[in-house]
Amino acid sequence: MRKERVGFALCGSFCTHQRVLEELERLCGEYETVLPIVSGICQSTDTRFGRAEDFLARVEGLTGHRAVCTVSEAEPIGPKRLLDALVIAPCTGNTLGKLAGGITDTAVTMAAKAHLRNDRPVVIAVASNDGLSGAAKNLGELLVRKNYFFVPFGQDDPEKKPCSLVADFSRIGDTLQAALEGRQLQPVLLRDGHTFS
């Protein structure tokens, strides 16, 4: 088991949660400490993909830790140096915008801000229907910032959803390992014909 302490923050994009939870389970088998951080929308919103209560129970069951769900609970991550790396998966266009603009009004954005003060890596697994439209400038902003590393991503359905971007969630572990070594996993942009897991 790896000793690095990993934060795993989950945002909306409910349609991707099943795939993301599979990767969370995989990371929990590789790292001794995986601390779950959940946005308010995930904590409180029932959708056609499942009940919020069940989602939260699964996240906490996989990690063996109570989820960080509020800004005040996330704030000590920085001063106490609780994490060696932070993964945000899925990272929605909304969260991209908040990270790019320095807005810290959710547990996830507070965790990122607190963690970044320690000059440590944040891994972003984007999932946004407007990744190539409204969220594109925020994506670009974070691509050039120090300590942000991206799980390789591409257009998941260019014909029906031409502005939609999604990460290949199966590469979260590899991206995390590379980020802990201070490098970006390549290629960042996935080519046509890639099947998203």
N, C-alpha and C. Protein backbone atom coordinates (compact mmCIF):
# COMPACT_ATOMS: atom_id res chain seq x y z
N MET A 1 0.84 -1.20 0.00
CA MET A 1 0.00 0.00 0.00
C MET A 1 0.88 1.25 0.00
N ARG A 2 0.46 2.21 -0.82
CA ARG A 2 1.21 3.47 -0.88
C ARG A 2 0.86 4.34 0.32
N LYS A 3 1.86 5.10 0.78
CA LYS A 3 1.70 5.89 1.99
C LYS A 3 1.19 7.30 1.74
N GLU A 4 1.25 7.79 0.49
CA GLU A 4 0.76 9.15 0.24
C GLU A 4 -0.71 9.26 0.60
N ARG A 5 -1.06 10.39 1.22
CA ARG A 5 -2.44 10.63 1.63
C ARG A 5 -3.17 11.37 0.51
N VAL A 6 -4.24 10.77 0.03
CA VAL A 6 -4.96 11.28 -1.13
C VAL A 6 -6.33 11.79 -0.72
N GLY A 7 -6.66 13.00 -1.13
CA GLY A 7 -8.02 13.50 -1.01
C GLY A 7 -8.75 13.18 -2.30
N PHE A 8 -10.00 12.75 -2.21
CA PHE A 8 -10.78 12.44 -3.41
C PHE A 8 -12.07 13.23 -3.32
N ALA A 9 -12.17 14.27 -4.15
CA ALA A 9 -13.31 15.19 -4.11
C ALA A 9 -14.26 14.89 -5.27
N LEU A 10 -15.55 14.81 -4.95
CA LEU A 10 -16.57 14.49 -5.95
C LEU A 10 -17.54 15.63 -6.10
N CYS A 11 -17.80 16.00 -7.37
CA CYS A 11 -18.76 17.06 -7.70
C CYS A 11 -19.94 16.44 -8.44
N GLY A 12 -20.80 17.28 -9.00
CA GLY A 12 -22.00 16.84 -9.71
C GLY A 12 -21.71 15.88 -10.84
N SER A 13 -22.14 16.16 -12.05
CA SER A 13 -21.99 15.25 -13.18
C SER A 13 -22.40 13.84 -12.78
N PHE A 14 -23.65 13.74 -12.32
CA PHE A 14 -24.16 12.50 -11.73
C PHE A 14 -24.05 11.30 -12.67
N CYS A 15 -24.12 11.54 -13.97
CA CYS A 15 -24.07 10.43 -14.93
C CYS A 15 -22.70 9.75 -14.93
N THR A 16 -21.68 10.39 -14.39
CA THR A 16 -20.34 9.80 -14.36
C THR A 16 -20.00 9.16 -13.02
N HIS A 17 -20.87 9.30 -12.04
CA HIS A 17 -20.53 8.85 -10.69
C HIS A 17 -20.19 7.37 -10.60
N GLN A 18 -20.91 6.51 -11.32
CA GLN A 18 -20.63 5.08 -11.22
C GLN A 18 -19.19 4.79 -11.66
N ARG A 19 -18.78 5.38 -12.79
CA ARG A 19 -17.41 5.15 -13.27
C ARG A 19 -16.38 5.72 -12.31
N VAL A 20 -16.67 6.89 -11.75
CA VAL A 20 -15.74 7.52 -10.80
C VAL A 20 -15.63 6.69 -9.53
N LEU A 21 -16.74 6.15 -9.05
CA LEU A 21 -16.69 5.33 -7.84
C LEU A 21 -15.87 4.06 -8.05
N GLU A 22 -15.88 3.52 -9.24
CA GLU A 22 -15.04 2.36 -9.54
C GLU A 22 -13.57 2.71 -9.40
N GLU A 23 -13.20 3.91 -9.84
CA GLU A 23 -11.81 4.35 -9.71
C GLU A 23 -11.46 4.69 -8.27
N LEU A 24 -12.41 5.25 -7.55
CA LEU A 24 -12.20 5.51 -6.12
C LEU A 24 -11.92 4.20 -5.39
N GLU A 25 -12.70 3.18 -5.70
CA GLU A 25 -12.47 1.87 -5.07
C GLU A 25 -11.08 1.34 -5.40
N ARG A 26 -10.66 1.52 -6.63
CA ARG A 26 -9.33 1.07 -7.03
C ARG A 26 -8.24 1.81 -6.25
N LEU A 27 -8.40 3.13 -6.10
CA LEU A 27 -7.41 3.90 -5.35
C LEU A 27 -7.37 3.48 -3.89
N CYS A 28 -8.53 3.16 -3.33
CA CYS A 28 -8.58 2.73 -1.93
C CYS A 28 -7.83 1.42 -1.73
N GLY A 29 -7.69 0.64 -2.78
CA GLY A 29 -6.90 -0.59 -2.72
C GLY A 29 -5.41 -0.36 -2.88
N GLU A 30 -5.03 0.85 -3.33
CA GLU A 30 -3.62 1.16 -3.56
C GLU A 30 -3.02 2.07 -2.50
N TYR A 31 -3.84 2.96 -1.93
CA TYR A 31 -3.35 3.96 -0.98
C TYR A 31 -3.96 3.70 0.40
N GLU A 32 -3.14 3.81 1.43
CA GLU A 32 -3.62 3.59 2.80
C GLU A 32 -4.67 4.60 3.21
N THR A 33 -4.50 5.85 2.79
CA THR A 33 -5.41 6.92 3.20
C THR A 33 -6.03 7.59 2.00
N VAL A 34 -7.35 7.49 1.88
CA VAL A 34 -8.10 8.23 0.86
C VAL A 34 -9.23 8.94 1.60
N LEU A 35 -9.15 10.27 1.62
CA LEU A 35 -10.12 11.09 2.35
C LEU A 35 -11.18 11.61 1.38
N PRO A 36 -12.45 11.24 1.58
CA PRO A 36 -13.49 11.71 0.66
C PRO A 36 -13.94 13.13 0.98
N ILE A 37 -14.16 13.90 -0.08
CA ILE A 37 -14.66 15.27 0.01
C ILE A 37 -15.81 15.35 -0.97
N VAL A 38 -16.96 15.84 -0.53
CA VAL A 38 -18.16 15.79 -1.37
C VAL A 38 -18.79 17.18 -1.45
N SER A 39 -19.12 17.60 -2.66
CA SER A 39 -19.79 18.89 -2.83
C SER A 39 -21.20 18.82 -2.26
N GLY A 40 -21.73 19.97 -1.91
CA GLY A 40 -23.07 20.04 -1.36
C GLY A 40 -24.12 19.46 -2.28
N ILE A 41 -23.95 19.66 -3.57
CA ILE A 41 -24.92 19.17 -4.55
C ILE A 41 -24.97 17.63 -4.53
N CYS A 42 -23.81 16.99 -4.37
CA CYS A 42 -23.77 15.53 -4.29
C CYS A 42 -24.35 15.03 -2.97
N GLN A 43 -24.13 15.79 -1.94
CA GLN A 43 -24.57 15.40 -0.61
C GLN A 43 -26.09 15.45 -0.48
N SER A 44 -26.74 16.32 -1.25
CA SER A 44 -28.16 16.59 -1.00
C SER A 44 -29.11 16.35 -2.17
N THR A 45 -28.61 15.96 -3.34
CA THR A 45 -29.46 15.87 -4.51
C THR A 45 -29.73 14.44 -4.95
N ASP A 46 -31.00 14.04 -4.90
CA ASP A 46 -31.41 12.76 -5.47
C ASP A 46 -31.65 12.97 -6.97
N THR A 47 -31.18 12.03 -7.78
CA THR A 47 -31.34 12.14 -9.23
C THR A 47 -31.81 10.80 -9.79
N ARG A 48 -31.99 10.75 -11.10
CA ARG A 48 -32.37 9.48 -11.73
C ARG A 48 -31.25 8.44 -11.63
N PHE A 49 -30.04 8.91 -11.23
CA PHE A 49 -28.91 7.99 -11.09
C PHE A 49 -28.80 7.43 -9.67
N GLY A 50 -29.61 7.93 -8.75
CA GLY A 50 -29.59 7.39 -7.39
C GLY A 50 -29.85 8.44 -6.34
N ARG A 51 -29.99 7.94 -5.12
CA ARG A 51 -30.25 8.83 -3.99
C ARG A 51 -28.94 9.35 -3.40
N ALA A 52 -28.95 10.60 -2.98
CA ALA A 52 -27.76 11.22 -2.39
C ALA A 52 -27.29 10.45 -1.16
N GLU A 53 -28.23 10.01 -0.36
CA GLU A 53 -27.90 9.27 0.87
C GLU A 53 -27.13 7.99 0.56
N ASP A 54 -27.56 7.28 -0.48
CA ASP A 54 -26.88 6.04 -0.88
C ASP A 54 -25.48 6.33 -1.44
N PHE A 55 -25.39 7.40 -2.23
CA PHE A 55 -24.10 7.80 -2.80
C PHE A 55 -23.09 8.10 -1.69
N LEU A 56 -23.50 8.91 -0.73
CA LEU A 56 -22.62 9.30 0.36
C LEU A 56 -22.20 8.07 1.18
N ALA A 57 -23.14 7.17 1.43
CA ALA A 57 -22.84 5.95 2.18
C ALA A 57 -21.81 5.10 1.43
N ARG A 58 -21.94 5.04 0.12
CA ARG A 58 -20.98 4.24 -0.67
C ARG A 58 -19.60 4.86 -0.64
N VAL A 59 -19.52 6.19 -0.78
CA VAL A 59 -18.23 6.88 -0.74
C VAL A 59 -17.55 6.65 0.61
N GLU A 60 -18.30 6.80 1.67
CA GLU A 60 -17.73 6.62 3.01
C GLU A 60 -17.39 5.16 3.28
N GLY A 61 -18.18 4.24 2.74
CA GLY A 61 -17.89 2.82 2.90
C GLY A 61 -16.61 2.40 2.18
N LEU A 62 -16.41 2.93 0.98
CA LEU A 62 -15.21 2.59 0.22
C LEU A 62 -13.94 3.11 0.89
N THR A 63 -14.00 4.34 1.39
CA THR A 63 -12.80 4.98 1.94
C THR A 63 -12.57 4.68 3.41
N GLY A 64 -13.64 4.32 4.12
CA GLY A 64 -13.51 4.10 5.56
C GLY A 64 -13.40 5.39 6.34
N HIS A 65 -13.75 6.52 5.70
CA HIS A 65 -13.69 7.83 6.36
C HIS A 65 -15.01 8.56 6.16
N ARG A 66 -15.39 9.36 7.16
CA ARG A 66 -16.53 10.25 7.02
C ARG A 66 -16.18 11.31 6.00
N ALA A 67 -17.10 11.62 5.11
CA ALA A 67 -16.85 12.60 4.05
C ALA A 67 -16.77 14.01 4.60
N VAL A 68 -15.86 14.79 4.05
CA VAL A 68 -15.76 16.22 4.31
C VAL A 68 -16.82 16.86 3.42
N CYS A 69 -17.79 17.55 4.03
CA CYS A 69 -18.94 18.06 3.27
C CYS A 69 -19.15 19.57 3.38
N THR A 70 -18.37 20.25 4.20
CA THR A 70 -18.58 21.69 4.38
C THR A 70 -17.26 22.44 4.21
N VAL A 71 -17.40 23.73 3.97
CA VAL A 71 -16.22 24.60 3.84
C VAL A 71 -15.39 24.55 5.12
N SER A 72 -16.05 24.63 6.26
CA SER A 72 -15.31 24.64 7.53
C SER A 72 -14.59 23.32 7.79
N GLU A 73 -15.17 22.21 7.34
CA GLU A 73 -14.49 20.92 7.50
C GLU A 73 -13.30 20.79 6.56
N ALA A 74 -13.36 21.45 5.41
CA ALA A 74 -12.27 21.35 4.42
C ALA A 74 -11.10 22.28 4.72
N GLU A 75 -11.35 23.37 5.42
CA GLU A 75 -10.31 24.39 5.63
C GLU A 75 -9.04 23.85 6.30
N PRO A 76 -9.12 22.95 7.31
CA PRO A 76 -7.89 22.47 7.95
C PRO A 76 -6.98 21.63 7.05
N ILE A 77 -7.45 21.22 5.89
CA ILE A 77 -6.62 20.43 4.98
C ILE A 77 -5.30 21.12 4.69
N GLY A 78 -5.32 22.45 4.56
CA GLY A 78 -4.09 23.20 4.30
C GLY A 78 -3.20 23.35 5.51
N PRO A 79 -3.68 24.03 6.56
CA PRO A 79 -2.81 24.26 7.72
C PRO A 79 -2.29 22.99 8.39
N LYS A 80 -3.10 21.93 8.36
CA LYS A 80 -2.67 20.67 8.99
C LYS A 80 -1.92 19.75 8.02
N ARG A 81 -1.81 20.19 6.76
CA ARG A 81 -1.09 19.41 5.73
C ARG A 81 -1.60 17.97 5.69
N LEU A 82 -2.91 17.83 5.55
CA LEU A 82 -3.55 16.52 5.64
C LEU A 82 -3.35 15.65 4.41
N LEU A 83 -3.06 16.27 3.25
CA LEU A 83 -3.00 15.52 2.00
C LEU A 83 -1.67 15.71 1.28
N ASP A 84 -1.28 14.67 0.54
CA ASP A 84 -0.15 14.77 -0.37
C ASP A 84 -0.62 15.10 -1.78
N ALA A 85 -1.86 14.73 -2.11
CA ALA A 85 -2.45 15.03 -3.42
C ALA A 85 -3.95 15.08 -3.27
N LEU A 86 -4.58 15.85 -4.14
CA LEU A 86 -6.04 15.96 -4.16
C LEU A 86 -6.53 15.65 -5.57
N VAL A 87 -7.48 14.74 -5.67
CA VAL A 87 -8.13 14.40 -6.93
C VAL A 87 -9.53 15.01 -6.90
N ILE A 88 -9.92 15.68 -7.99
CA ILE A 88 -11.30 16.16 -8.13
C ILE A 88 -11.91 15.44 -9.32
N ALA A 89 -12.83 14.51 -9.02
CA ALA A 89 -13.42 13.67 -10.07
C ALA A 89 -14.84 13.28 -9.67
N PRO A 90 -15.82 13.58 -10.47
CA PRO A 90 -15.73 14.42 -11.67
C PRO A 90 -15.61 15.89 -11.28
N CYS A 91 -14.91 16.64 -12.10
CA CYS A 91 -14.80 18.08 -11.92
C CYS A 91 -15.68 18.75 -12.98
N THR A 92 -16.76 19.33 -12.53
CA THR A 92 -17.74 19.94 -13.43
C THR A 92 -17.26 21.29 -13.96
N GLY A 93 -17.94 21.80 -14.97
CA GLY A 93 -17.65 23.14 -15.47
C GLY A 93 -17.85 24.19 -14.40
N ASN A 94 -18.83 24.00 -13.54
CA ASN A 94 -19.07 24.91 -12.43
C ASN A 94 -17.86 24.98 -11.50
N THR A 95 -17.33 23.82 -11.15
CA THR A 95 -16.16 23.78 -10.27
C THR A 95 -14.92 24.30 -10.97
N LEU A 96 -14.75 24.01 -12.26
CA LEU A 96 -13.63 24.60 -13.01
C LEU A 96 -13.65 26.12 -12.91
N GLY A 97 -14.85 26.70 -13.09
CA GLY A 97 -14.99 28.15 -13.02
C GLY A 97 -14.63 28.69 -11.66
N LYS A 98 -15.07 28.01 -10.63
CA LYS A 98 -14.77 28.47 -9.27
C LYS A 98 -13.27 28.36 -8.97
N LEU A 99 -12.65 27.27 -9.39
CA LEU A 99 -11.21 27.12 -9.19
C LEU A 99 -10.44 28.20 -9.95
N ALA A 100 -10.83 28.45 -11.18
CA ALA A 100 -10.15 29.47 -11.99
C ALA A 100 -10.33 30.86 -11.40
N GLY A 101 -11.50 31.11 -10.80
CA GLY A 101 -11.79 32.43 -10.25
C GLY A 101 -11.45 32.59 -8.78
N GLY A 102 -10.91 31.56 -8.15
CA GLY A 102 -10.54 31.65 -6.75
C GLY A 102 -11.73 31.67 -5.81
N ILE A 103 -12.85 31.09 -6.21
CA ILE A 103 -14.06 31.07 -5.38
C ILE A 103 -14.04 29.82 -4.51
N THR A 104 -14.24 30.01 -3.21
CA THR A 104 -14.18 28.87 -2.28
C THR A 104 -15.47 28.78 -1.48
N ASP A 105 -16.55 28.38 -2.15
CA ASP A 105 -17.85 28.31 -1.50
C ASP A 105 -18.40 26.90 -1.37
N THR A 106 -17.58 25.89 -1.63
CA THR A 106 -17.97 24.50 -1.43
C THR A 106 -16.83 23.77 -0.73
N ALA A 107 -17.12 22.61 -0.19
CA ALA A 107 -16.07 21.80 0.42
C ALA A 107 -14.97 21.48 -0.58
N VAL A 108 -15.35 21.23 -1.84
CA VAL A 108 -14.37 20.86 -2.86
C VAL A 108 -13.44 22.02 -3.19
N THR A 109 -13.99 23.20 -3.42
CA THR A 109 -13.13 24.34 -3.77
C THR A 109 -12.30 24.78 -2.57
N MET A 110 -12.84 24.68 -1.37
CA MET A 110 -12.05 25.00 -0.17
C MET A 110 -10.92 24.01 0.01
N ALA A 111 -11.20 22.73 -0.23
CA ALA A 111 -10.15 21.71 -0.13
C ALA A 111 -9.02 22.01 -1.11
N ALA A 112 -9.37 22.39 -2.33
CA ALA A 112 -8.35 22.70 -3.33
C ALA A 112 -7.53 23.91 -2.90
N LYS A 113 -8.19 24.96 -2.48
CA LYS A 113 -7.48 26.17 -2.05
C LYS A 113 -6.55 25.87 -0.88
N ALA A 114 -7.08 25.17 0.12
CA ALA A 114 -6.29 24.85 1.30
C ALA A 114 -5.09 23.97 0.94
N HIS A 115 -5.32 22.99 0.08
CA HIS A 115 -4.27 22.05 -0.32
C HIS A 115 -3.19 22.74 -1.16
N LEU A 116 -3.60 23.62 -2.06
CA LEU A 116 -2.64 24.30 -2.94
C LEU A 116 -1.67 25.20 -2.19
N ARG A 117 -2.08 25.69 -1.02
CA ARG A 117 -1.18 26.55 -0.25
C ARG A 117 0.08 25.80 0.15
N ASN A 118 0.04 24.47 0.13
CA ASN A 118 1.19 23.64 0.49
C ASN A 118 2.02 23.22 -0.72
N ASP A 119 1.70 23.82 -1.90
CA ASP A 119 2.49 23.56 -3.11
C ASP A 119 2.44 22.08 -3.49
N ARG A 120 1.23 21.51 -3.41
CA ARG A 120 1.04 20.10 -3.70
C ARG A 120 0.04 19.91 -4.84
N PRO A 121 0.05 18.75 -5.49
CA PRO A 121 -0.73 18.57 -6.73
C PRO A 121 -2.23 18.40 -6.54
N VAL A 122 -2.96 18.98 -7.50
CA VAL A 122 -4.40 18.80 -7.64
C VAL A 122 -4.63 18.14 -8.99
N VAL A 123 -5.30 16.99 -8.98
CA VAL A 123 -5.58 16.24 -10.20
C VAL A 123 -7.04 16.47 -10.58
N ILE A 124 -7.25 16.93 -11.81
CA ILE A 124 -8.59 17.27 -12.29
C ILE A 124 -9.04 16.23 -13.32
N ALA A 125 -10.21 15.63 -13.08
CA ALA A 125 -10.85 14.74 -14.05
C ALA A 125 -12.13 15.43 -14.51
N VAL A 126 -12.02 16.16 -15.59
CA VAL A 126 -13.11 17.01 -16.06
C VAL A 126 -14.29 16.19 -16.59
N ALA A 127 -15.49 16.71 -16.34
CA ALA A 127 -16.72 16.16 -16.92
C ALA A 127 -17.67 17.34 -17.05
N SER A 128 -17.75 17.88 -18.27
CA SER A 128 -18.53 19.10 -18.46
C SER A 128 -19.17 19.13 -19.84
N ASN A 129 -20.48 19.33 -19.87
CA ASN A 129 -21.18 19.44 -21.15
C ASN A 129 -20.82 20.72 -21.90
N ASP A 130 -20.23 21.71 -21.21
CA ASP A 130 -19.84 22.95 -21.89
C ASP A 130 -18.33 23.16 -21.86
N GLY A 131 -17.58 22.05 -21.82
CA GLY A 131 -16.12 22.12 -21.78
C GLY A 131 -15.49 22.84 -22.96
N LEU A 132 -16.15 22.80 -24.12
CA LEU A 132 -15.64 23.50 -25.30
C LEU A 132 -16.47 24.73 -25.62
N SER A 133 -17.24 25.20 -24.65
CA SER A 133 -17.97 26.47 -24.83
C SER A 133 -17.76 27.30 -23.57
N GLY A 134 -18.77 27.44 -22.73
CA GLY A 134 -18.67 28.33 -21.58
C GLY A 134 -17.55 28.01 -20.61
N ALA A 135 -17.23 26.74 -20.42
CA ALA A 135 -16.19 26.36 -19.46
C ALA A 135 -14.79 26.33 -20.06
N ALA A 136 -14.67 26.56 -21.38
CA ALA A 136 -13.38 26.41 -22.04
C ALA A 136 -12.32 27.36 -21.50
N LYS A 137 -12.70 28.61 -21.23
CA LYS A 137 -11.69 29.57 -20.74
C LYS A 137 -11.18 29.17 -19.36
N ASN A 138 -12.06 28.59 -18.53
CA ASN A 138 -11.63 28.16 -17.20
C ASN A 138 -10.73 26.94 -17.28
N LEU A 139 -11.04 26.04 -18.19
CA LEU A 139 -10.19 24.89 -18.43
C LEU A 139 -8.79 25.35 -18.86
N GLY A 140 -8.76 26.29 -19.81
CA GLY A 140 -7.48 26.83 -20.26
C GLY A 140 -6.70 27.50 -19.15
N GLU A 141 -7.40 28.23 -18.30
CA GLU A 141 -6.76 28.90 -17.17
C GLU A 141 -6.07 27.90 -16.25
N LEU A 142 -6.74 26.80 -15.96
CA LEU A 142 -6.17 25.82 -15.04
C LEU A 142 -5.08 24.97 -15.69
N LEU A 143 -5.16 24.78 -17.00
CA LEU A 143 -4.12 24.01 -17.69
C LEU A 143 -2.74 24.65 -17.57
N VAL A 144 -2.71 25.97 -17.41
CA VAL A 144 -1.41 26.64 -17.34
C VAL A 144 -0.98 26.98 -15.91
N ARG A 145 -1.78 26.63 -14.94
CA ARG A 145 -1.43 26.93 -13.55
C ARG A 145 -0.57 25.84 -12.93
N LYS A 146 0.34 26.29 -12.09
CA LYS A 146 1.21 25.37 -11.35
C LYS A 146 0.37 24.48 -10.43
N ASN A 147 0.79 23.23 -10.34
CA ASN A 147 0.21 22.23 -9.43
C ASN A 147 -1.15 21.68 -9.85
N TYR A 148 -1.64 22.05 -11.03
CA TYR A 148 -2.85 21.42 -11.57
C TYR A 148 -2.43 20.40 -12.63
N PHE A 149 -2.95 19.20 -12.51
CA PHE A 149 -2.64 18.11 -13.44
C PHE A 149 -3.97 17.52 -13.91
N PHE A 150 -4.06 17.22 -15.20
CA PHE A 150 -5.32 16.79 -15.78
C PHE A 150 -5.30 15.32 -16.18
N VAL A 151 -6.35 14.61 -15.78
CA VAL A 151 -6.59 13.27 -16.29
C VAL A 151 -6.89 13.44 -17.78
N PRO A 152 -6.25 12.67 -18.66
CA PRO A 152 -6.50 12.82 -20.09
C PRO A 152 -7.99 12.85 -20.41
N PHE A 153 -8.36 13.77 -21.31
CA PHE A 153 -9.78 13.99 -21.61
C PHE A 153 -9.98 14.22 -23.10
N GLY A 154 -11.24 14.14 -23.51
CA GLY A 154 -11.59 14.40 -24.90
C GLY A 154 -13.09 14.56 -25.03
N GLN A 155 -13.53 14.67 -26.27
CA GLN A 155 -14.97 14.78 -26.55
C GLN A 155 -15.57 13.38 -26.47
N ASP A 156 -16.55 13.23 -25.59
CA ASP A 156 -17.14 11.91 -25.41
C ASP A 156 -18.20 11.59 -26.45
N ASP A 157 -18.80 12.61 -27.06
CA ASP A 157 -19.83 12.40 -28.08
C ASP A 157 -19.86 13.61 -29.02
N PRO A 158 -18.88 13.73 -29.93
CA PRO A 158 -18.76 14.94 -30.76
C PRO A 158 -19.97 15.22 -31.64
N GLU A 159 -20.71 14.19 -32.03
CA GLU A 159 -21.86 14.40 -32.91
C GLU A 159 -23.07 14.94 -32.15
N LYS A 160 -23.41 14.32 -31.05
CA LYS A 160 -24.61 14.72 -30.32
C LYS A 160 -24.35 15.80 -29.28
N LYS A 161 -23.12 15.84 -28.73
CA LYS A 161 -22.76 16.83 -27.70
C LYS A 161 -21.40 17.43 -28.05
N PRO A 162 -21.33 18.29 -29.07
CA PRO A 162 -20.04 18.76 -29.57
C PRO A 162 -19.23 19.59 -28.59
N CYS A 163 -19.83 20.13 -27.55
CA CYS A 163 -19.09 20.94 -26.58
C CYS A 163 -18.71 20.16 -25.33
N SER A 164 -19.12 18.89 -25.25
CA SER A 164 -18.92 18.09 -24.04
C SER A 164 -17.52 17.49 -23.98
N LEU A 165 -16.92 17.59 -22.80
CA LEU A 165 -15.62 16.97 -22.53
C LEU A 165 -15.75 16.05 -21.33
N VAL A 166 -15.03 14.94 -21.38
CA VAL A 166 -14.99 14.05 -20.22
C VAL A 166 -13.63 13.40 -20.15
N ALA A 167 -13.16 13.22 -18.91
CA ALA A 167 -11.88 12.55 -18.69
C ALA A 167 -12.04 11.04 -18.89
N ASP A 168 -10.94 10.40 -19.18
CA ASP A 168 -10.90 8.94 -19.17
C ASP A 168 -10.64 8.54 -17.72
N PHE A 169 -11.70 8.27 -16.97
CA PHE A 169 -11.58 8.04 -15.54
C PHE A 169 -10.67 6.87 -15.20
N SER A 170 -10.51 5.92 -16.12
CA SER A 170 -9.63 4.79 -15.85
C SER A 170 -8.17 5.21 -15.72
N ARG A 171 -7.87 6.46 -16.09
CA ARG A 171 -6.49 6.96 -15.99
C ARG A 171 -6.26 7.84 -14.76
N ILE A 172 -7.23 7.88 -13.85
CA ILE A 172 -7.05 8.68 -12.64
C ILE A 172 -5.82 8.23 -11.86
N GLY A 173 -5.68 6.93 -11.66
CA GLY A 173 -4.55 6.42 -10.89
C GLY A 173 -3.22 6.76 -11.51
N ASP A 174 -3.09 6.58 -12.82
CA ASP A 174 -1.83 6.90 -13.50
C ASP A 174 -1.54 8.40 -13.45
N THR A 175 -2.58 9.21 -13.60
CA THR A 175 -2.40 10.67 -13.54
C THR A 175 -1.98 11.08 -12.15
N LEU A 176 -2.58 10.49 -11.15
CA LEU A 176 -2.22 10.79 -9.76
C LEU A 176 -0.77 10.44 -9.49
N GLN A 177 -0.35 9.28 -9.91
CA GLN A 177 1.04 8.88 -9.70
C GLN A 177 2.00 9.84 -10.39
N ALA A 178 1.69 10.22 -11.62
CA ALA A 178 2.54 11.17 -12.35
C ALA A 178 2.56 12.51 -11.63
N ALA A 179 1.41 12.97 -11.16
CA ALA A 179 1.33 14.26 -10.46
C ALA A 179 2.17 14.24 -9.19
N LEU A 180 2.16 13.13 -8.47
CA LEU A 180 2.99 13.03 -7.27
C LEU A 180 4.47 13.11 -7.61
N GLU A 181 4.81 12.79 -8.85
CA GLU A 181 6.19 12.91 -9.34
C GLU A 181 6.44 14.26 -9.99
N GLY A 182 5.41 15.12 -10.02
CA GLY A 182 5.56 16.47 -10.57
C GLY A 182 5.45 16.56 -12.08
N ARG A 183 4.80 15.57 -12.71
CA ARG A 183 4.69 15.61 -14.16
C ARG A 183 3.26 15.35 -14.61
N GLN A 184 2.93 15.89 -15.77
CA GLN A 184 1.61 15.70 -16.38
C GLN A 184 1.61 14.44 -17.23
N LEU A 185 0.67 13.55 -16.99
CA LEU A 185 0.52 12.36 -17.81
C LEU A 185 0.16 12.79 -19.24
N GLN A 186 0.77 12.15 -20.22
CA GLN A 186 0.55 12.49 -21.62
C GLN A 186 0.01 11.28 -22.38
N PRO A 187 -0.70 11.50 -23.46
CA PRO A 187 -1.18 12.79 -23.94
C PRO A 187 -2.38 13.27 -23.13
N VAL A 188 -2.51 14.57 -22.99
CA VAL A 188 -3.63 15.15 -22.24
C VAL A 188 -4.90 15.08 -23.07
N LEU A 189 -4.79 15.37 -24.35
CA LEU A 189 -5.95 15.36 -25.24
C LEU A 189 -6.06 14.00 -25.92
N LEU A 190 -7.21 13.37 -25.76
CA LEU A 190 -7.43 12.06 -26.36
C LEU A 190 -7.93 12.21 -27.78
N ARG A 191 -7.59 11.26 -28.63
CA ARG A 191 -7.91 11.34 -30.05
C ARG A 191 -9.27 10.75 -30.36
N ASP A 192 -9.75 11.05 -31.57
CA ASP A 192 -11.00 10.45 -32.05
C ASP A 192 -10.90 8.94 -31.98
N GLY A 193 -12.01 8.32 -31.66
CA GLY A 193 -12.03 6.87 -31.59
C GLY A 193 -11.73 6.31 -30.23
N HIS A 194 -11.31 7.18 -29.29
CA HIS A 194 -11.05 6.72 -27.93
C HIS A 194 -12.37 6.33 -27.27
N THR A 195 -12.39 5.20 -26.61
CA THR A 195 -13.59 4.80 -25.88
C THR A 195 -13.43 5.21 -24.43
N PHE A 196 -14.38 6.00 -23.94
CA PHE A 196 -14.29 6.47 -22.58
C PHE A 196 -14.83 5.43 -21.63
N SER A 197 -14.04 5.14 -20.60
CA SER A 197 -14.45 4.10 -19.65
C SER A 197 -15.42 4.65 -18.63
